[in-house]
Amino acid sequence: MDEEVIETGENSSLEENRSIHVLVVDDLKVNYLLIKAMLGKLNATIYWAENGFLAIDYILEGNIVDIVLMDYNMPGMNGVEATFVLKEIRPNLPVISLSTFTDSKHFNRKAAPFDGYISKPVESEMLYRAIENLISL
């Protein structure tokens, strides 16, 4: 599990003393690194789980997580399945889907357990707004 602390940038909307803990769940490390770079303006501690099983274990271990950014298409357990399990463990934990599939006609948003959806490629301002809408910054 990778962990990176990102210091608050000059244009951050976060209070200087408020830090958030973000769990990025994506099987591709390059996607994690991209999200980590986008969150550079936030006062955030960022963790990476490369699949749904590791994300569930991380939550079950009692680690602090304020929000989860979840990929949809991962081997073994997809983002929908992992999010259903996470919501059983922590029903109020916000989970945002980051995927190329969320705009697909085959993706059923009503049946999915996500609190928000962002299509890839992710735009940083859209990501900030989605996070701010779901957690108190």
N, C-alpha and C. Protein backbone atom coordinates (compact mmCIF):
# COMPACT_ATOMS: atom_id res chain seq x y z
N MET A 1 0.86 -1.17 0.00
CA MET A 1 0.00 0.00 0.00
C MET A 1 0.90 1.23 0.00
N ASP A 2 0.81 2.03 -1.04
CA ASP A 2 1.58 3.27 -1.11
C ASP A 2 0.88 4.37 -0.34
N GLU A 3 1.65 5.25 0.24
CA GLU A 3 1.10 6.39 0.96
C GLU A 3 1.93 7.61 0.59
N GLU A 4 1.26 8.69 0.32
CA GLU A 4 1.94 9.93 -0.02
C GLU A 4 1.21 11.08 0.63
N VAL A 5 1.92 11.93 1.34
CA VAL A 5 1.32 13.12 1.93
C VAL A 5 1.53 14.26 0.96
N ILE A 6 0.45 14.92 0.61
CA ILE A 6 0.50 16.05 -0.30
C ILE A 6 0.21 17.29 0.51
N GLU A 7 1.12 18.24 0.51
CA GLU A 7 0.93 19.47 1.28
C GLU A 7 -0.03 20.40 0.57
N THR A 8 -0.64 21.29 1.34
CA THR A 8 -1.59 22.25 0.80
C THR A 8 -0.89 23.21 -0.14
N GLY A 9 -1.47 23.42 -1.33
CA GLY A 9 -0.96 24.40 -2.28
C GLY A 9 -1.60 25.75 -2.02
N GLU A 10 -1.12 26.78 -2.68
CA GLU A 10 -1.62 28.13 -2.46
C GLU A 10 -3.08 28.28 -2.82
N ASN A 11 -3.58 27.53 -3.79
CA ASN A 11 -4.94 27.69 -4.25
C ASN A 11 -5.90 26.68 -3.63
N SER A 12 -5.51 26.05 -2.56
CA SER A 12 -6.34 25.02 -1.95
C SER A 12 -7.60 25.59 -1.32
N SER A 13 -8.69 24.85 -1.46
CA SER A 13 -9.94 25.25 -0.82
C SER A 13 -10.03 24.65 0.59
N LEU A 14 -9.10 23.80 0.96
CA LEU A 14 -9.10 23.22 2.29
C LEU A 14 -8.58 24.21 3.31
N GLU A 15 -9.14 24.11 4.51
CA GLU A 15 -8.57 24.88 5.61
C GLU A 15 -7.15 24.37 5.83
N GLU A 16 -6.26 25.25 6.23
CA GLU A 16 -4.86 24.86 6.37
C GLU A 16 -4.65 23.73 7.36
N ASN A 17 -5.47 23.64 8.39
CA ASN A 17 -5.27 22.60 9.41
C ASN A 17 -6.14 21.38 9.15
N ARG A 18 -6.92 21.33 8.08
CA ARG A 18 -7.80 20.21 7.77
C ARG A 18 -7.13 19.32 6.73
N SER A 19 -6.90 18.10 7.08
CA SER A 19 -6.30 17.15 6.16
C SER A 19 -7.33 16.08 5.84
N ILE A 20 -7.32 15.58 4.62
CA ILE A 20 -8.21 14.48 4.27
C ILE A 20 -7.38 13.26 3.89
N HIS A 21 -7.99 12.11 4.05
CA HIS A 21 -7.36 10.84 3.72
C HIS A 21 -8.12 10.24 2.54
N VAL A 22 -7.41 10.06 1.44
CA VAL A 22 -8.01 9.60 0.19
C VAL A 22 -7.45 8.23 -0.15
N LEU A 23 -8.35 7.28 -0.41
CA LEU A 23 -7.94 5.96 -0.87
C LEU A 23 -8.25 5.87 -2.36
N VAL A 24 -7.22 5.70 -3.17
CA VAL A 24 -7.37 5.53 -4.62
C VAL A 24 -7.27 4.03 -4.90
N VAL A 25 -8.32 3.49 -5.52
CA VAL A 25 -8.35 2.07 -5.84
C VAL A 25 -8.34 1.93 -7.36
N ASP A 26 -7.23 1.46 -7.88
CA ASP A 26 -7.06 1.32 -9.33
C ASP A 26 -5.96 0.30 -9.58
N ASP A 27 -6.18 -0.61 -10.51
CA ASP A 27 -5.18 -1.63 -10.79
C ASP A 27 -3.98 -1.09 -11.56
N LEU A 28 -4.11 0.09 -12.14
CA LEU A 28 -3.01 0.68 -12.89
C LEU A 28 -2.33 1.78 -12.08
N LYS A 29 -1.05 1.57 -11.76
CA LYS A 29 -0.33 2.54 -10.95
C LYS A 29 -0.26 3.90 -11.63
N VAL A 30 -0.21 3.94 -12.94
CA VAL A 30 -0.14 5.22 -13.64
C VAL A 30 -1.40 6.05 -13.36
N ASN A 31 -2.56 5.41 -13.24
CA ASN A 31 -3.79 6.14 -12.90
C ASN A 31 -3.71 6.70 -11.48
N TYR A 32 -3.18 5.90 -10.56
CA TYR A 32 -2.98 6.38 -9.19
C TYR A 32 -2.05 7.59 -9.17
N LEU A 33 -0.94 7.51 -9.89
CA LEU A 33 0.02 8.61 -9.92
C LEU A 33 -0.59 9.88 -10.52
N LEU A 34 -1.44 9.71 -11.51
CA LEU A 34 -2.12 10.86 -12.11
C LEU A 34 -3.07 11.51 -11.12
N ILE A 35 -3.86 10.71 -10.42
CA ILE A 35 -4.79 11.25 -9.40
C ILE A 35 -4.00 11.91 -8.28
N LYS A 36 -2.90 11.28 -7.86
CA LYS A 36 -2.06 11.87 -6.81
C LYS A 36 -1.55 13.24 -7.23
N ALA A 37 -1.13 13.37 -8.48
CA ALA A 37 -0.65 14.66 -8.98
C ALA A 37 -1.79 15.68 -9.01
N MET A 38 -2.98 15.25 -9.41
CA MET A 38 -4.13 16.16 -9.45
C MET A 38 -4.52 16.66 -8.07
N LEU A 39 -4.32 15.84 -7.07
CA LEU A 39 -4.70 16.21 -5.71
C LEU A 39 -3.62 17.02 -5.01
N GLY A 40 -2.62 17.45 -5.76
CA GLY A 40 -1.52 18.21 -5.20
C GLY A 40 -1.92 19.51 -4.54
N LYS A 41 -3.07 20.07 -4.91
CA LYS A 41 -3.54 21.31 -4.29
C LYS A 41 -4.18 21.07 -2.93
N LEU A 42 -4.51 19.84 -2.64
CA LEU A 42 -5.20 19.52 -1.39
C LEU A 42 -4.22 19.16 -0.29
N ASN A 43 -4.63 19.39 0.93
CA ASN A 43 -3.89 18.92 2.09
C ASN A 43 -4.40 17.51 2.34
N ALA A 44 -3.75 16.53 1.69
CA ALA A 44 -4.28 15.17 1.69
C ALA A 44 -3.19 14.15 1.91
N THR A 45 -3.58 13.07 2.56
CA THR A 45 -2.77 11.87 2.62
C THR A 45 -3.43 10.90 1.67
N ILE A 46 -2.67 10.39 0.73
CA ILE A 46 -3.23 9.58 -0.34
C ILE A 46 -2.67 8.16 -0.25
N TYR A 47 -3.57 7.20 -0.27
CA TYR A 47 -3.20 5.79 -0.21
C TYR A 47 -3.62 5.13 -1.52
N TRP A 48 -2.93 4.06 -1.88
CA TRP A 48 -3.25 3.34 -3.11
C TRP A 48 -3.47 1.87 -2.81
N ALA A 49 -4.59 1.35 -3.30
CA ALA A 49 -4.86 -0.08 -3.30
C ALA A 49 -5.03 -0.49 -4.75
N GLU A 50 -4.32 -1.52 -5.17
CA GLU A 50 -4.36 -1.86 -6.58
C GLU A 50 -5.50 -2.81 -6.96
N ASN A 51 -6.36 -3.13 -5.99
CA ASN A 51 -7.57 -3.90 -6.32
C ASN A 51 -8.59 -3.76 -5.19
N GLY A 52 -9.79 -4.23 -5.46
CA GLY A 52 -10.87 -4.12 -4.49
C GLY A 52 -10.62 -4.90 -3.21
N PHE A 53 -9.96 -6.05 -3.32
CA PHE A 53 -9.67 -6.85 -2.13
C PHE A 53 -8.77 -6.09 -1.16
N LEU A 54 -7.72 -5.45 -1.70
CA LEU A 54 -6.80 -4.68 -0.86
C LEU A 54 -7.50 -3.46 -0.25
N ALA A 55 -8.41 -2.85 -0.99
CA ALA A 55 -9.16 -1.71 -0.46
C ALA A 55 -10.03 -2.14 0.72
N ILE A 56 -10.69 -3.27 0.58
CA ILE A 56 -11.54 -3.79 1.66
C ILE A 56 -10.68 -4.11 2.89
N ASP A 57 -9.55 -4.77 2.67
CA ASP A 57 -8.65 -5.07 3.79
C ASP A 57 -8.19 -3.80 4.49
N TYR A 58 -7.88 -2.78 3.70
CA TYR A 58 -7.41 -1.51 4.27
C TYR A 58 -8.47 -0.89 5.17
N ILE A 59 -9.71 -0.91 4.74
CA ILE A 59 -10.81 -0.37 5.55
C ILE A 59 -11.04 -1.25 6.78
N LEU A 60 -11.03 -2.56 6.60
CA LEU A 60 -11.24 -3.47 7.73
C LEU A 60 -10.16 -3.33 8.80
N GLU A 61 -8.96 -2.93 8.40
CA GLU A 61 -7.87 -2.73 9.36
C GLU A 61 -8.09 -1.48 10.22
N GLY A 62 -9.12 -0.70 9.90
CA GLY A 62 -9.44 0.48 10.70
C GLY A 62 -8.68 1.74 10.32
N ASN A 63 -8.08 1.74 9.15
CA ASN A 63 -7.34 2.92 8.70
C ASN A 63 -8.30 4.09 8.44
N ILE A 64 -7.80 5.29 8.64
CA ILE A 64 -8.61 6.48 8.40
C ILE A 64 -8.72 6.72 6.90
N VAL A 65 -9.95 6.80 6.42
CA VAL A 65 -10.23 7.11 5.02
C VAL A 65 -11.45 8.02 5.02
N ASP A 66 -11.31 9.19 4.39
CA ASP A 66 -12.42 10.13 4.28
C ASP A 66 -13.21 9.95 3.00
N ILE A 67 -12.53 9.49 1.95
CA ILE A 67 -13.19 9.31 0.65
C ILE A 67 -12.41 8.30 -0.17
N VAL A 68 -13.13 7.55 -1.01
CA VAL A 68 -12.52 6.55 -1.89
C VAL A 68 -12.76 6.96 -3.33
N LEU A 69 -11.71 6.90 -4.14
CA LEU A 69 -11.80 7.11 -5.58
C LEU A 69 -11.60 5.74 -6.21
N MET A 70 -12.67 5.19 -6.79
CA MET A 70 -12.72 3.78 -7.18
C MET A 70 -12.78 3.60 -8.69
N ASP A 71 -11.84 2.84 -9.23
CA ASP A 71 -11.90 2.44 -10.63
C ASP A 71 -13.02 1.42 -10.78
N TYR A 72 -13.62 1.37 -11.95
CA TYR A 72 -14.71 0.43 -12.20
C TYR A 72 -14.21 -0.93 -12.65
N ASN A 73 -13.30 -0.93 -13.61
CA ASN A 73 -12.88 -2.16 -14.25
C ASN A 73 -11.53 -2.62 -13.70
N MET A 74 -11.58 -3.59 -12.78
CA MET A 74 -10.35 -4.15 -12.20
C MET A 74 -10.48 -5.66 -12.20
N PRO A 75 -9.35 -6.37 -12.31
CA PRO A 75 -9.41 -7.83 -12.28
C PRO A 75 -9.74 -8.34 -10.88
N GLY A 76 -10.40 -9.48 -10.83
CA GLY A 76 -10.72 -10.13 -9.55
C GLY A 76 -12.01 -9.64 -8.94
N MET A 77 -12.10 -8.35 -8.66
CA MET A 77 -13.29 -7.74 -8.09
C MET A 77 -13.41 -6.35 -8.69
N ASN A 78 -14.49 -6.11 -9.41
CA ASN A 78 -14.61 -4.79 -10.03
C ASN A 78 -15.02 -3.73 -9.00
N GLY A 79 -15.03 -2.49 -9.43
CA GLY A 79 -15.30 -1.38 -8.52
C GLY A 79 -16.69 -1.40 -7.92
N VAL A 80 -17.68 -1.88 -8.66
CA VAL A 80 -19.04 -1.97 -8.14
C VAL A 80 -19.09 -2.98 -6.99
N GLU A 81 -18.52 -4.16 -7.22
CA GLU A 81 -18.51 -5.20 -6.18
C GLU A 81 -17.76 -4.73 -4.94
N ALA A 82 -16.59 -4.12 -5.14
CA ALA A 82 -15.80 -3.63 -4.01
C ALA A 82 -16.55 -2.55 -3.25
N THR A 83 -17.24 -1.68 -3.96
CA THR A 83 -17.96 -0.60 -3.30
C THR A 83 -19.13 -1.13 -2.50
N PHE A 84 -19.84 -2.13 -3.00
CA PHE A 84 -20.92 -2.74 -2.22
C PHE A 84 -20.39 -3.26 -0.88
N VAL A 85 -19.23 -3.92 -0.91
CA VAL A 85 -18.64 -4.45 0.32
C VAL A 85 -18.20 -3.30 1.23
N LEU A 86 -17.54 -2.28 0.67
CA LEU A 86 -17.12 -1.14 1.49
C LEU A 86 -18.31 -0.47 2.16
N LYS A 87 -19.43 -0.36 1.44
CA LYS A 87 -20.63 0.28 1.99
C LYS A 87 -21.26 -0.57 3.09
N GLU A 88 -21.07 -1.89 3.05
CA GLU A 88 -21.53 -2.75 4.15
C GLU A 88 -20.70 -2.49 5.41
N ILE A 89 -19.41 -2.26 5.21
CA ILE A 89 -18.50 -2.03 6.34
C ILE A 89 -18.68 -0.61 6.88
N ARG A 90 -18.68 0.37 5.99
CA ARG A 90 -18.81 1.79 6.36
C ARG A 90 -19.84 2.45 5.45
N PRO A 91 -21.12 2.36 5.80
CA PRO A 91 -22.19 2.86 4.93
C PRO A 91 -22.06 4.33 4.54
N ASN A 92 -21.48 5.16 5.37
CA ASN A 92 -21.39 6.59 5.08
C ASN A 92 -20.08 7.01 4.41
N LEU A 93 -19.25 6.05 4.06
CA LEU A 93 -17.98 6.36 3.40
C LEU A 93 -18.26 6.75 1.95
N PRO A 94 -17.93 7.99 1.55
CA PRO A 94 -18.17 8.41 0.18
C PRO A 94 -17.23 7.71 -0.80
N VAL A 95 -17.81 7.23 -1.90
CA VAL A 95 -17.05 6.55 -2.94
C VAL A 95 -17.42 7.18 -4.28
N ILE A 96 -16.39 7.64 -4.99
CA ILE A 96 -16.58 8.22 -6.32
C ILE A 96 -16.02 7.25 -7.35
N SER A 97 -16.81 6.93 -8.34
CA SER A 97 -16.35 6.09 -9.44
C SER A 97 -15.54 6.93 -10.42
N LEU A 98 -14.35 6.46 -10.73
CA LEU A 98 -13.51 7.08 -11.77
C LEU A 98 -13.34 6.03 -12.86
N SER A 99 -14.02 6.22 -13.98
CA SER A 99 -14.00 5.17 -14.97
C SER A 99 -14.39 5.66 -16.34
N THR A 100 -13.95 4.94 -17.34
CA THR A 100 -14.40 5.20 -18.70
C THR A 100 -15.78 4.60 -18.93
N PHE A 101 -16.25 3.76 -18.01
CA PHE A 101 -17.51 3.05 -18.18
C PHE A 101 -18.73 3.80 -17.66
N THR A 102 -18.55 4.83 -16.83
CA THR A 102 -19.71 5.47 -16.21
C THR A 102 -20.59 6.23 -17.20
N ASP A 103 -20.08 6.55 -18.37
CA ASP A 103 -20.91 7.19 -19.39
C ASP A 103 -21.43 6.19 -20.42
N SER A 104 -21.10 4.94 -20.25
CA SER A 104 -21.52 3.90 -21.19
C SER A 104 -23.01 3.59 -21.01
N LYS A 105 -23.68 3.26 -22.10
CA LYS A 105 -25.10 2.89 -22.02
C LYS A 105 -25.29 1.58 -21.25
N HIS A 106 -24.23 0.81 -21.08
CA HIS A 106 -24.31 -0.46 -20.37
C HIS A 106 -24.12 -0.30 -18.86
N PHE A 107 -23.73 0.89 -18.43
CA PHE A 107 -23.49 1.13 -17.01
C PHE A 107 -24.77 1.64 -16.36
N ASN A 108 -25.28 0.93 -15.38
CA ASN A 108 -26.53 1.27 -14.72
C ASN A 108 -26.23 2.04 -13.44
N ARG A 109 -26.31 3.37 -13.51
CA ARG A 109 -26.01 4.22 -12.35
C ARG A 109 -26.97 3.97 -11.20
N LYS A 110 -28.21 3.64 -11.49
CA LYS A 110 -29.20 3.42 -10.44
C LYS A 110 -28.88 2.18 -9.61
N ALA A 111 -28.26 1.19 -10.23
CA ALA A 111 -27.92 -0.04 -9.53
C ALA A 111 -26.55 0.01 -8.87
N ALA A 112 -25.73 0.99 -9.24
CA ALA A 112 -24.37 1.09 -8.71
C ALA A 112 -24.38 1.82 -7.36
N PRO A 113 -23.49 1.46 -6.47
CA PRO A 113 -23.49 2.02 -5.11
C PRO A 113 -22.68 3.31 -4.93
N PHE A 114 -22.25 3.94 -6.00
CA PHE A 114 -21.35 5.08 -5.89
C PHE A 114 -22.09 6.35 -5.47
N ASP A 115 -21.34 7.24 -4.80
CA ASP A 115 -21.89 8.54 -4.38
C ASP A 115 -21.64 9.61 -5.43
N GLY A 116 -20.77 9.33 -6.38
CA GLY A 116 -20.46 10.27 -7.45
C GLY A 116 -19.77 9.54 -8.58
N TYR A 117 -19.77 10.18 -9.75
CA TYR A 117 -19.20 9.58 -10.95
C TYR A 117 -18.37 10.61 -11.69
N ILE A 118 -17.18 10.21 -12.08
CA ILE A 118 -16.34 11.05 -12.93
C ILE A 118 -15.78 10.14 -14.02
N SER A 119 -15.98 10.56 -15.25
CA SER A 119 -15.47 9.78 -16.38
C SER A 119 -14.01 10.10 -16.63
N LYS A 120 -13.27 9.08 -17.01
CA LYS A 120 -11.88 9.26 -17.41
C LYS A 120 -11.86 9.73 -18.85
N PRO A 121 -10.96 10.58 -19.25
CA PRO A 121 -9.90 11.16 -18.43
C PRO A 121 -10.46 12.16 -17.43
N VAL A 122 -9.94 12.09 -16.22
CA VAL A 122 -10.40 12.92 -15.11
C VAL A 122 -9.83 14.32 -15.22
N GLU A 123 -10.68 15.32 -15.03
CA GLU A 123 -10.23 16.71 -14.98
C GLU A 123 -10.10 17.11 -13.52
N SER A 124 -9.01 17.76 -13.16
CA SER A 124 -8.72 18.05 -11.75
C SER A 124 -9.80 18.92 -11.10
N GLU A 125 -10.30 19.94 -11.78
CA GLU A 125 -11.33 20.79 -11.17
C GLU A 125 -12.61 20.02 -10.90
N MET A 126 -12.97 19.12 -11.80
CA MET A 126 -14.15 18.28 -11.59
C MET A 126 -13.94 17.36 -10.39
N LEU A 127 -12.74 16.84 -10.25
CA LEU A 127 -12.42 15.97 -9.13
C LEU A 127 -12.50 16.74 -7.82
N TYR A 128 -11.95 17.95 -7.77
CA TYR A 128 -12.04 18.78 -6.55
C TYR A 128 -13.48 19.04 -6.17
N ARG A 129 -14.30 19.42 -7.15
CA ARG A 129 -15.72 19.72 -6.87
C ARG A 129 -16.44 18.49 -6.34
N ALA A 130 -16.17 17.33 -6.93
CA ALA A 130 -16.82 16.10 -6.49
C ALA A 130 -16.43 15.77 -5.05
N ILE A 131 -15.17 15.94 -4.72
CA ILE A 131 -14.71 15.68 -3.35
C ILE A 131 -15.35 16.68 -2.39
N GLU A 132 -15.34 17.96 -2.75
CA GLU A 132 -15.92 18.99 -1.89
C GLU A 132 -17.41 18.77 -1.67
N ASN A 133 -18.12 18.24 -2.66
CA ASN A 133 -19.55 17.98 -2.52
C ASN A 133 -19.85 16.83 -1.57
N LEU A 134 -18.89 15.95 -1.39
CA LEU A 134 -19.15 14.76 -0.58
C LEU A 134 -18.57 14.79 0.82
N ILE A 135 -17.52 15.58 1.01
CA ILE A 135 -16.97 15.67 2.35
C ILE A 135 -16.83 17.14 2.73
N SER A 136 -16.87 17.37 3.98
CA SER A 136 -16.79 18.73 4.50
C SER A 136 -15.34 19.17 4.53
N LEU A 137 -14.98 20.09 3.66
CA LEU A 137 -13.59 20.53 3.56
C LEU A 137 -13.35 21.81 4.34
